[in-house]
């Protein structure tokens, strides 16, 4: 007997276009929030009422710049019993943090591909890996610029390549913490 999904309420978060396309590809159809999944756990935590407030001034320049690029609407289903307990309001500050969370996942996937081809196999395929990543998720160059990705990889390589061979000391699990 197949387990059916619980009844849901449709909610949405604003994200960057590249992040929205990545989420749409990795979670086809409507994503139903599940606390056992990292994405669902993050969303539930963002909705949960807090006893303290984060002290971020939304009028600062850096916050405005990050909030301006949130133009893509990522829709998801929230089980009704979560909504009845927590509500539906997600502040812009949380949307900016959510966008950064998913961007780090995207960077980790891309860096693993680049490290595999460039670091381990000694093939100069950085641009090919970036193009393959973009075509896989249907992301345009202006949404996810080459320069930003190359700089990210070179910073990662420089961090690991201080004393030893990059390919021998690279730790994929540590990459998630470093990004």
N, C-alpha and C. Protein backbone atom coordinates (compact mmCIF):
# COMPACT_ATOMS: atom_id res chain seq x y z
N UNK A 1 0.84 -1.18 0.00
CA UNK A 1 0.00 0.00 0.00
C UNK A 1 0.88 1.24 0.00
N UNK A 2 0.64 2.12 -0.94
CA UNK A 2 1.44 3.34 -1.08
C UNK A 2 0.94 4.39 -0.09
N UNK A 3 1.90 5.01 0.58
CA UNK A 3 1.56 6.06 1.55
C UNK A 3 1.27 7.35 0.80
N UNK A 4 0.15 7.97 1.07
CA UNK A 4 -0.22 9.21 0.38
C UNK A 4 0.34 10.41 1.13
N UNK A 5 0.53 11.49 0.38
CA UNK A 5 1.01 12.73 0.98
C UNK A 5 -0.09 13.36 1.81
N UNK A 6 0.30 14.03 2.91
CA UNK A 6 -0.70 14.71 3.73
C UNK A 6 -1.27 15.92 2.98
N UNK A 7 -2.47 16.38 3.35
CA UNK A 7 -3.00 17.59 2.72
C UNK A 7 -2.07 18.77 3.01
N UNK A 8 -1.87 19.61 1.99
CA UNK A 8 -0.90 20.71 2.12
C UNK A 8 -1.51 22.05 1.77
N UNK A 9 -0.83 23.07 2.22
CA UNK A 9 -1.11 24.45 1.86
C UNK A 9 0.08 24.92 1.03
N UNK A 10 -0.19 25.60 -0.07
CA UNK A 10 0.90 26.06 -0.93
C UNK A 10 1.45 27.38 -0.42
N UNK A 11 2.77 27.40 -0.19
CA UNK A 11 3.48 28.60 0.23
C UNK A 11 4.61 28.85 -0.76
N UNK A 12 5.27 29.99 -0.64
CA UNK A 12 6.39 30.26 -1.54
C UNK A 12 7.45 31.10 -0.85
N UNK A 13 8.66 30.94 -1.37
CA UNK A 13 9.82 31.73 -0.95
C UNK A 13 10.39 32.41 -2.19
N UNK A 14 10.89 33.59 -2.04
CA UNK A 14 11.55 34.27 -3.14
C UNK A 14 13.05 33.94 -3.07
N UNK A 15 13.60 33.54 -4.23
CA UNK A 15 15.01 33.18 -4.34
C UNK A 15 15.58 33.76 -5.63
N UNK A 16 16.90 33.64 -5.80
CA UNK A 16 17.53 34.04 -7.06
C UNK A 16 17.05 33.11 -8.17
N UNK A 17 17.04 33.57 -9.42
CA UNK A 17 16.63 32.70 -10.53
C UNK A 17 17.45 31.41 -10.63
N UNK A 18 18.77 31.49 -10.43
CA UNK A 18 19.60 30.28 -10.51
C UNK A 18 19.22 29.29 -9.41
N UNK A 19 18.98 29.78 -8.22
CA UNK A 19 18.58 28.92 -7.11
C UNK A 19 17.20 28.32 -7.37
N UNK A 20 16.29 29.11 -7.91
CA UNK A 20 14.95 28.60 -8.22
C UNK A 20 14.99 27.49 -9.26
N UNK A 21 15.81 27.66 -10.29
CA UNK A 21 15.93 26.62 -11.32
C UNK A 21 16.57 25.36 -10.75
N UNK A 22 17.55 25.53 -9.87
CA UNK A 22 18.19 24.39 -9.23
C UNK A 22 17.18 23.63 -8.38
N UNK A 23 16.39 24.34 -7.58
CA UNK A 23 15.39 23.69 -6.74
C UNK A 23 14.30 23.02 -7.56
N UNK A 24 13.89 23.65 -8.65
CA UNK A 24 12.87 23.07 -9.52
C UNK A 24 13.37 21.78 -10.15
N UNK A 25 14.64 21.74 -10.51
CA UNK A 25 15.21 20.53 -11.11
C UNK A 25 15.42 19.42 -10.07
N UNK A 26 15.92 19.78 -8.90
CA UNK A 26 16.21 18.77 -7.89
C UNK A 26 14.96 18.27 -7.18
N UNK A 27 13.90 19.06 -7.17
CA UNK A 27 12.63 18.67 -6.55
C UNK A 27 11.51 18.89 -7.56
N UNK A 28 11.40 17.99 -8.57
CA UNK A 28 10.37 18.19 -9.61
C UNK A 28 8.96 18.08 -9.02
N UNK A 29 8.03 18.74 -9.69
CA UNK A 29 6.68 18.80 -9.15
C UNK A 29 6.65 19.76 -7.99
N UNK A 30 5.70 19.59 -7.11
CA UNK A 30 5.64 20.46 -5.95
C UNK A 30 6.37 19.79 -4.79
N UNK A 31 7.31 20.50 -4.22
CA UNK A 31 8.05 19.99 -3.07
C UNK A 31 7.14 20.05 -1.85
N UNK A 32 6.98 18.92 -1.18
CA UNK A 32 6.21 18.86 0.06
C UNK A 32 7.20 18.80 1.21
N UNK A 33 7.08 19.73 2.14
CA UNK A 33 8.01 19.86 3.24
C UNK A 33 8.01 18.59 4.09
N UNK A 34 9.23 18.12 4.35
CA UNK A 34 9.44 16.95 5.19
C UNK A 34 10.60 17.29 6.12
N UNK A 35 10.40 17.20 7.43
CA UNK A 35 11.45 17.60 8.37
C UNK A 35 12.65 16.67 8.35
N UNK A 36 12.53 15.51 7.74
CA UNK A 36 13.66 14.59 7.66
C UNK A 36 14.60 14.94 6.50
N UNK A 37 14.20 15.87 5.68
CA UNK A 37 15.01 16.33 4.56
C UNK A 37 15.62 17.68 4.94
N UNK A 38 16.90 17.94 4.62
CA UNK A 38 17.53 19.21 5.04
C UNK A 38 16.77 20.46 4.56
N UNK A 39 16.25 20.43 3.35
CA UNK A 39 15.51 21.58 2.83
C UNK A 39 14.23 21.80 3.64
N UNK A 40 13.49 20.72 3.88
CA UNK A 40 12.26 20.82 4.66
C UNK A 40 12.52 21.22 6.10
N UNK A 41 13.59 20.71 6.67
CA UNK A 41 13.95 21.07 8.03
C UNK A 41 14.26 22.56 8.13
N UNK A 42 14.95 23.09 7.11
CA UNK A 42 15.27 24.51 7.11
C UNK A 42 13.99 25.35 7.04
N UNK A 43 13.06 24.96 6.19
CA UNK A 43 11.82 25.72 6.02
C UNK A 43 11.00 25.70 7.31
N UNK A 44 10.89 24.54 7.93
CA UNK A 44 10.13 24.44 9.18
C UNK A 44 10.78 25.30 10.25
N UNK A 45 12.10 25.29 10.33
CA UNK A 45 12.80 26.11 11.30
C UNK A 45 12.58 27.59 11.03
N UNK A 46 12.51 27.98 9.76
CA UNK A 46 12.28 29.40 9.42
C UNK A 46 10.88 29.84 9.84
N UNK A 47 9.92 28.93 9.79
CA UNK A 47 8.55 29.27 10.16
C UNK A 47 8.30 29.22 11.66
N UNK A 48 9.10 28.46 12.38
CA UNK A 48 8.87 28.27 13.81
C UNK A 48 8.97 29.59 14.55
N UNK A 49 8.03 29.83 15.47
CA UNK A 49 8.11 31.06 16.26
C UNK A 49 9.37 31.08 17.11
N UNK A 50 9.97 32.23 17.22
CA UNK A 50 11.21 32.38 17.98
C UNK A 50 10.95 33.20 19.24
N UNK A 51 11.71 32.88 20.28
CA UNK A 51 11.63 33.65 21.52
C UNK A 51 12.51 34.88 21.47
N UNK A 52 13.51 34.85 20.60
CA UNK A 52 14.40 36.00 20.45
C UNK A 52 14.37 36.44 18.99
N UNK A 53 14.79 37.64 18.75
CA UNK A 53 14.82 38.13 17.38
C UNK A 53 16.26 38.27 16.92
N UNK A 54 16.48 38.06 15.63
CA UNK A 54 17.80 38.28 15.06
C UNK A 54 17.98 39.77 14.86
N UNK A 55 19.11 40.27 15.20
CA UNK A 55 19.36 41.70 15.13
C UNK A 55 20.06 42.07 13.83
N UNK A 56 19.37 41.93 12.71
CA UNK A 56 19.90 42.31 11.42
C UNK A 56 19.12 43.53 10.94
N UNK A 57 19.83 44.57 10.62
CA UNK A 57 19.19 45.78 10.12
C UNK A 57 18.91 45.59 8.63
N UNK A 58 17.64 45.50 8.27
CA UNK A 58 17.30 45.27 6.86
C UNK A 58 17.50 46.50 6.00
N UNK A 59 17.90 47.59 6.59
CA UNK A 59 18.17 48.81 5.83
C UNK A 59 19.63 48.92 5.41
N UNK A 60 20.48 47.97 5.80
CA UNK A 60 21.89 48.03 5.42
C UNK A 60 22.05 47.74 3.93
N UNK A 61 23.14 48.21 3.36
CA UNK A 61 23.39 48.08 1.93
C UNK A 61 23.54 46.62 1.53
N UNK A 62 24.32 45.83 2.30
CA UNK A 62 24.54 44.44 1.94
C UNK A 62 23.25 43.65 1.93
N UNK A 63 22.35 43.95 2.87
CA UNK A 63 21.08 43.22 2.93
C UNK A 63 20.19 43.60 1.74
N UNK A 64 20.15 44.88 1.42
CA UNK A 64 19.34 45.33 0.29
C UNK A 64 19.81 44.71 -1.01
N UNK A 65 21.15 44.63 -1.19
CA UNK A 65 21.69 44.03 -2.41
C UNK A 65 21.29 42.57 -2.53
N UNK A 66 21.33 41.84 -1.44
CA UNK A 66 20.97 40.42 -1.47
C UNK A 66 19.47 40.23 -1.63
N UNK A 67 18.69 41.11 -1.09
CA UNK A 67 17.24 40.98 -1.19
C UNK A 67 16.73 41.38 -2.58
N UNK A 68 17.44 42.27 -3.27
CA UNK A 68 17.02 42.72 -4.61
C UNK A 68 17.03 41.60 -5.63
N UNK A 69 17.95 40.66 -5.51
CA UNK A 69 18.09 39.60 -6.51
C UNK A 69 17.10 38.46 -6.30
N UNK A 70 16.31 38.50 -5.26
CA UNK A 70 15.33 37.45 -4.99
C UNK A 70 14.09 37.70 -5.84
N UNK A 71 14.14 37.24 -7.09
CA UNK A 71 13.06 37.53 -8.03
C UNK A 71 12.32 36.29 -8.51
N UNK A 72 12.76 35.12 -8.11
CA UNK A 72 12.15 33.86 -8.57
C UNK A 72 11.34 33.28 -7.41
N UNK A 73 10.14 32.84 -7.70
CA UNK A 73 9.27 32.31 -6.65
C UNK A 73 9.36 30.78 -6.62
N UNK A 74 9.85 30.24 -5.51
CA UNK A 74 9.91 28.79 -5.31
C UNK A 74 8.69 28.39 -4.48
N UNK A 75 7.80 27.62 -5.10
CA UNK A 75 6.57 27.19 -4.43
C UNK A 75 6.76 25.80 -3.83
N UNK A 76 6.18 25.60 -2.67
CA UNK A 76 6.27 24.32 -1.99
C UNK A 76 4.98 24.08 -1.20
N UNK A 77 4.75 22.83 -0.87
CA UNK A 77 3.58 22.47 -0.09
C UNK A 77 3.97 22.26 1.37
N UNK A 78 3.20 22.84 2.25
CA UNK A 78 3.44 22.71 3.70
C UNK A 78 2.27 21.93 4.28
N UNK A 79 2.52 20.80 4.96
CA UNK A 79 1.42 20.06 5.57
C UNK A 79 0.59 20.96 6.49
N UNK A 80 -0.71 20.74 6.47
CA UNK A 80 -1.64 21.61 7.20
C UNK A 80 -1.33 21.66 8.69
N UNK A 81 -0.93 20.56 9.27
CA UNK A 81 -0.69 20.59 10.71
C UNK A 81 0.51 21.43 11.08
N UNK A 82 1.51 21.59 10.16
CA UNK A 82 2.61 22.52 10.41
C UNK A 82 2.09 23.96 10.38
N UNK A 83 1.28 24.24 9.38
CA UNK A 83 0.76 25.60 9.21
C UNK A 83 -0.08 26.00 10.42
N UNK A 84 -0.91 25.08 10.92
CA UNK A 84 -1.75 25.41 12.07
C UNK A 84 -0.92 25.67 13.32
N UNK A 85 0.26 25.06 13.42
CA UNK A 85 1.11 25.26 14.59
C UNK A 85 2.04 26.47 14.46
N UNK A 86 2.48 26.78 13.22
CA UNK A 86 3.54 27.76 13.05
C UNK A 86 3.16 29.00 12.27
N UNK A 87 2.14 28.94 11.46
CA UNK A 87 1.80 30.08 10.64
C UNK A 87 2.43 30.00 9.27
N UNK A 88 2.30 31.08 8.52
CA UNK A 88 2.80 31.07 7.14
C UNK A 88 3.77 32.19 6.82
N UNK A 89 4.10 33.02 7.77
CA UNK A 89 4.93 34.19 7.51
C UNK A 89 6.41 33.83 7.55
N UNK A 90 7.12 34.10 6.45
CA UNK A 90 8.57 33.95 6.38
C UNK A 90 9.15 35.32 6.04
N UNK A 91 9.90 35.93 6.94
CA UNK A 91 10.44 37.28 6.68
C UNK A 91 11.49 37.26 5.58
N UNK A 92 11.72 38.42 4.99
CA UNK A 92 12.70 38.57 3.91
C UNK A 92 14.08 38.14 4.38
N UNK A 93 14.41 38.43 5.60
CA UNK A 93 15.70 38.05 6.16
C UNK A 93 15.91 36.54 6.04
N UNK A 94 14.90 35.76 6.35
CA UNK A 94 15.00 34.30 6.25
C UNK A 94 15.11 33.86 4.79
N UNK A 95 14.46 34.58 3.88
CA UNK A 95 14.57 34.25 2.47
C UNK A 95 15.99 34.46 1.96
N UNK A 96 16.63 35.52 2.44
CA UNK A 96 18.03 35.78 2.06
C UNK A 96 18.91 34.64 2.58
N UNK A 97 18.69 34.20 3.82
CA UNK A 97 19.48 33.12 4.39
C UNK A 97 19.20 31.79 3.68
N UNK A 98 17.95 31.56 3.31
CA UNK A 98 17.60 30.35 2.57
C UNK A 98 18.29 30.33 1.22
N UNK A 99 18.29 31.46 0.54
CA UNK A 99 18.96 31.59 -0.75
C UNK A 99 20.45 31.25 -0.61
N UNK A 100 21.09 31.77 0.43
CA UNK A 100 22.51 31.50 0.68
C UNK A 100 22.72 30.02 0.98
N UNK A 101 21.83 29.39 1.72
CA UNK A 101 21.91 27.97 2.04
C UNK A 101 21.91 27.12 0.77
N UNK A 102 20.98 27.39 -0.13
CA UNK A 102 20.90 26.62 -1.37
C UNK A 102 22.07 26.94 -2.30
N UNK A 103 22.51 28.20 -2.33
CA UNK A 103 23.70 28.55 -3.12
C UNK A 103 24.91 27.75 -2.66
N UNK A 104 25.07 27.57 -1.36
CA UNK A 104 26.19 26.78 -0.86
C UNK A 104 26.09 25.33 -1.31
N UNK A 105 24.87 24.78 -1.38
CA UNK A 105 24.70 23.42 -1.90
C UNK A 105 25.08 23.36 -3.37
N UNK A 106 24.70 24.38 -4.12
CA UNK A 106 25.05 24.43 -5.55
C UNK A 106 26.57 24.53 -5.73
N UNK A 107 27.21 25.39 -4.93
CA UNK A 107 28.66 25.53 -5.01
C UNK A 107 29.34 24.20 -4.67
N UNK A 108 28.85 23.52 -3.65
CA UNK A 108 29.46 22.25 -3.25
C UNK A 108 29.38 21.23 -4.39
N UNK A 109 28.21 21.13 -5.04
CA UNK A 109 28.08 20.19 -6.16
C UNK A 109 29.03 20.56 -7.30
N UNK A 110 29.07 21.81 -7.64
CA UNK A 110 29.93 22.26 -8.74
C UNK A 110 31.40 22.08 -8.39
N UNK A 111 31.80 22.43 -7.17
CA UNK A 111 33.20 22.29 -6.77
C UNK A 111 33.63 20.83 -6.78
N UNK A 112 32.75 19.92 -6.39
CA UNK A 112 33.08 18.50 -6.43
C UNK A 112 33.36 18.06 -7.86
N UNK A 113 32.55 18.52 -8.81
CA UNK A 113 32.77 18.18 -10.22
C UNK A 113 34.09 18.75 -10.72
N UNK A 114 34.37 20.00 -10.38
CA UNK A 114 35.60 20.63 -10.82
C UNK A 114 36.81 19.95 -10.19
N UNK A 115 36.74 19.66 -8.90
CA UNK A 115 37.85 19.00 -8.22
C UNK A 115 38.11 17.64 -8.83
N UNK A 116 37.06 16.91 -9.15
CA UNK A 116 37.24 15.59 -9.74
C UNK A 116 37.98 15.68 -11.07
N UNK A 117 37.54 16.61 -11.92
CA UNK A 117 38.16 16.71 -13.25
C UNK A 117 39.51 17.43 -13.21
N UNK A 118 39.57 18.53 -12.50
CA UNK A 118 40.77 19.36 -12.53
C UNK A 118 41.81 18.92 -11.51
N UNK A 119 41.36 18.59 -10.30
CA UNK A 119 42.31 18.24 -9.25
C UNK A 119 42.79 16.81 -9.31
N UNK A 120 41.87 15.86 -9.46
CA UNK A 120 42.25 14.45 -9.43
C UNK A 120 42.74 13.94 -10.77
N UNK A 121 42.08 14.32 -11.84
CA UNK A 121 42.43 13.79 -13.16
C UNK A 121 43.40 14.69 -13.92
N UNK A 122 43.72 15.83 -13.37
CA UNK A 122 44.66 16.78 -13.97
C UNK A 122 44.24 17.20 -15.37
N UNK A 123 42.94 17.31 -15.58
CA UNK A 123 42.43 17.81 -16.85
C UNK A 123 42.01 19.26 -16.66
N UNK A 124 42.32 20.09 -17.60
CA UNK A 124 41.96 21.50 -17.48
C UNK A 124 40.54 21.70 -18.00
N UNK A 125 39.57 21.32 -17.18
CA UNK A 125 38.16 21.31 -17.61
C UNK A 125 37.28 22.18 -16.71
N UNK A 126 37.81 23.21 -16.13
CA UNK A 126 37.00 24.03 -15.24
C UNK A 126 35.81 24.61 -15.98
N UNK A 127 36.05 25.22 -17.13
CA UNK A 127 34.96 25.84 -17.90
C UNK A 127 33.96 24.79 -18.36
N UNK A 128 34.43 23.61 -18.77
CA UNK A 128 33.52 22.54 -19.20
C UNK A 128 32.61 22.11 -18.06
N UNK A 129 33.15 22.01 -16.85
CA UNK A 129 32.34 21.64 -15.68
C UNK A 129 31.28 22.70 -15.39
N UNK A 130 31.65 23.96 -15.51
CA UNK A 130 30.70 25.05 -15.28
C UNK A 130 29.58 25.00 -16.33
N UNK A 131 29.95 24.81 -17.58
CA UNK A 131 28.95 24.74 -18.67
C UNK A 131 28.03 23.53 -18.48
N UNK A 132 28.59 22.39 -18.11
CA UNK A 132 27.77 21.20 -17.86
C UNK A 132 26.80 21.42 -16.72
N UNK A 133 27.26 22.06 -15.65
CA UNK A 133 26.40 22.35 -14.50
C UNK A 133 25.25 23.27 -14.92
N UNK A 134 25.59 24.32 -15.67
CA UNK A 134 24.55 25.25 -16.12
C UNK A 134 23.54 24.57 -17.03
N UNK A 135 24.02 23.74 -17.96
CA UNK A 135 23.08 23.09 -18.88
C UNK A 135 22.22 22.05 -18.16
N UNK A 136 22.76 21.40 -17.14
CA UNK A 136 21.99 20.42 -16.38
C UNK A 136 20.79 21.08 -15.69
N UNK A 137 20.98 22.27 -15.16
CA UNK A 137 19.92 22.97 -14.43
C UNK A 137 19.28 24.10 -15.22
N UNK A 138 19.67 24.27 -16.49
CA UNK A 138 19.11 25.29 -17.37
C UNK A 138 19.29 26.70 -16.78
N UNK A 139 20.50 26.97 -16.34
CA UNK A 139 20.84 28.26 -15.73
C UNK A 139 21.65 29.07 -16.73
N UNK A 140 21.31 30.35 -16.86
CA UNK A 140 22.03 31.24 -17.77
C UNK A 140 23.29 31.79 -17.12
N UNK A 141 24.24 32.24 -17.95
CA UNK A 141 25.51 32.76 -17.46
C UNK A 141 25.30 34.01 -16.60
N UNK A 142 24.36 34.85 -16.97
CA UNK A 142 24.15 36.09 -16.18
C UNK A 142 23.53 35.79 -14.81
N UNK A 143 22.88 34.63 -14.65
CA UNK A 143 22.29 34.25 -13.37
C UNK A 143 23.33 33.61 -12.43
N UNK A 144 24.35 33.00 -13.01
CA UNK A 144 25.37 32.30 -12.24
C UNK A 144 26.71 32.54 -12.94
N UNK A 145 27.33 33.71 -12.75
CA UNK A 145 28.48 34.15 -13.53
C UNK A 145 29.73 33.26 -13.40
N UNK A 146 30.44 33.12 -14.52
CA UNK A 146 31.67 32.34 -14.56
C UNK A 146 32.71 32.86 -13.58
N UNK A 147 32.91 34.15 -13.55
CA UNK A 147 33.95 34.74 -12.71
C UNK A 147 33.74 34.37 -11.26
N UNK A 148 32.51 34.44 -10.78
CA UNK A 148 32.20 34.11 -9.39
C UNK A 148 32.55 32.65 -9.10
N UNK A 149 32.25 31.77 -10.04
CA UNK A 149 32.51 30.34 -9.85
C UNK A 149 33.99 30.02 -9.90
N UNK A 150 34.70 30.64 -10.83
CA UNK A 150 36.14 30.41 -10.92
C UNK A 150 36.85 30.90 -9.66
N UNK A 151 36.46 32.08 -9.18
CA UNK A 151 37.07 32.62 -7.96
C UNK A 151 36.81 31.70 -6.77
N UNK A 152 35.60 31.17 -6.70
CA UNK A 152 35.26 30.25 -5.62
C UNK A 152 36.17 29.02 -5.65
N UNK A 153 36.38 28.47 -6.84
CA UNK A 153 37.25 27.30 -6.98
C UNK A 153 38.70 27.64 -6.65
N UNK A 154 39.18 28.77 -7.14
CA UNK A 154 40.58 29.14 -6.88
C UNK A 154 40.82 29.40 -5.40
N UNK A 155 39.82 29.97 -4.70
CA UNK A 155 39.95 30.15 -3.25
C UNK A 155 40.02 28.80 -2.55
N UNK A 156 39.17 27.88 -2.98
CA UNK A 156 39.16 26.54 -2.40
C UNK A 156 40.51 25.85 -2.65
N UNK A 157 41.00 25.94 -3.86
CA UNK A 157 42.26 25.30 -4.21
C UNK A 157 43.43 25.92 -3.43
N UNK A 158 43.43 27.22 -3.29
CA UNK A 158 44.49 27.90 -2.55
C UNK A 158 44.47 27.49 -1.08
N UNK A 159 43.28 27.34 -0.52
CA UNK A 159 43.15 26.95 0.89
C UNK A 159 43.76 25.57 1.14
N UNK A 160 43.55 24.64 0.21
CA UNK A 160 44.05 23.29 0.38
C UNK A 160 45.48 23.11 -0.12
N UNK A 161 45.94 23.95 -1.01
CA UNK A 161 47.21 23.75 -1.69
C UNK A 161 48.36 24.50 -1.03
N UNK A 162 48.26 24.77 0.25
CA UNK A 162 49.31 25.52 0.94
C UNK A 162 50.61 24.73 1.01
N UNK A 163 50.57 23.48 1.50
CA UNK A 163 51.80 22.73 1.74
C UNK A 163 51.91 21.44 0.94
N UNK A 164 50.79 20.86 0.54
CA UNK A 164 50.81 19.54 -0.08
C UNK A 164 50.09 19.55 -1.41
N UNK A 165 50.01 18.37 -2.01
CA UNK A 165 49.30 18.20 -3.27
C UNK A 165 47.79 18.31 -3.01
N UNK A 166 47.12 19.14 -3.77
CA UNK A 166 45.68 19.38 -3.61
C UNK A 166 44.87 18.10 -3.66
N UNK A 167 45.18 17.23 -4.61
CA UNK A 167 44.39 16.01 -4.81
C UNK A 167 44.52 15.04 -3.66
N UNK A 168 45.62 15.04 -2.94
CA UNK A 168 45.79 14.07 -1.86
C UNK A 168 45.19 14.53 -0.55
N UNK A 169 45.07 15.83 -0.32
CA UNK A 169 44.55 16.30 0.98
C UNK A 169 43.11 16.78 0.91
N UNK A 170 42.51 16.83 -0.28
CA UNK A 170 41.14 17.33 -0.40
C UNK A 170 40.18 16.39 0.31
N UNK A 171 39.30 16.95 1.12
CA UNK A 171 38.31 16.18 1.87
C UNK A 171 36.92 16.65 1.46
N UNK A 172 36.16 15.83 0.71
CA UNK A 172 34.85 16.28 0.22
C UNK A 172 33.86 16.66 1.32
N UNK A 173 33.87 15.94 2.43
CA UNK A 173 32.96 16.27 3.53
C UNK A 173 33.23 17.63 4.14
N UNK A 174 34.50 17.98 4.20
CA UNK A 174 34.89 19.26 4.76
C UNK A 174 34.48 20.43 3.86
N UNK A 175 34.31 20.13 2.57
CA UNK A 175 33.91 21.17 1.61
C UNK A 175 32.60 21.82 2.02
N UNK A 176 31.64 21.04 2.50
CA UNK A 176 30.35 21.61 2.91
C UNK A 176 30.50 22.59 4.05
N UNK A 177 31.43 22.34 4.97
CA UNK A 177 31.64 23.26 6.08
C UNK A 177 32.41 24.49 5.65
N UNK A 178 33.30 24.33 4.68
CA UNK A 178 34.11 25.45 4.22
C UNK A 178 33.32 26.44 3.40
N UNK A 179 32.30 25.97 2.66
CA UNK A 179 31.53 26.87 1.82
C UNK A 179 30.59 27.62 2.69
